[in-house]
Amino acid sequence: MSASMMDSPEDEYLTVPLPKIKKLRLMTYILRDTELWPGPRRTSGGMAPPDSGRLQCSNSEMPMIDITDRDFSIDEVVGKSKRPEVGAVVSFLGTVRDDGIEFMELEAYRDAALSELERIRDEALNKFSLISVDIIHRIGSLKVGDNIVLIVCAASHRRQAFEGCMYVIDELKARAALWKKEILSDGERWVRR
């Protein structure tokens, strides 16, 4: 833009198209969640230290979101979802299937992925009137048969729990900053979710 077309630097800012503003906001948000932003980050459970690497509430009745290199207990997560007001608990367990692979590498941009999983959880809670949503996703090297992801949705009624669980896995696959690479006997390939 030429100098004659604007009166001040503020005028130039106002001419930025909306998609660039959204991109700038996303970039600012991501930078705040990295080491460049030394303060704590906001979570639905309050404030978490910037290096926590996970959002996990200490209260056993609070939903859990976790990205971990360790396996998880399905029974423990499902058990925490059971409460007097819950009439249905639906779980989804994703595992490494044998597609001729030797093993799989799962990676995450942890802070961005946790933030997106938190948004997906909050959307599902509101959209389907869920009582709780727990999401655990693994990273690291996994072999055939290993657990990858666990989603547990609790609701008063089964339809809400089933629809909420389907929504969470579909949105997770479409939006979360998680990647997987399959290691084959003759090479490797990145898998589009």
Foldseek 3Di string as FASTA:
>chain_A
DDPVVDDDPVRVVVPDDPVVVVVVVVVVVLCCLDVVNQQWDQAPQGTDGSPPLADQDPPLLAAGEEEEQDADDPCSNQVSPDDPQWPDKDKDWDFAAPPQFAKKFKDAPRSQQRVQLRVLQVCLCVVLVWSYKYKYAYGGIGGGPGTGIMIMTTHNDDVSRVVSNVSSVVCSLVPGRMWMKTHHPVGIGTDRD
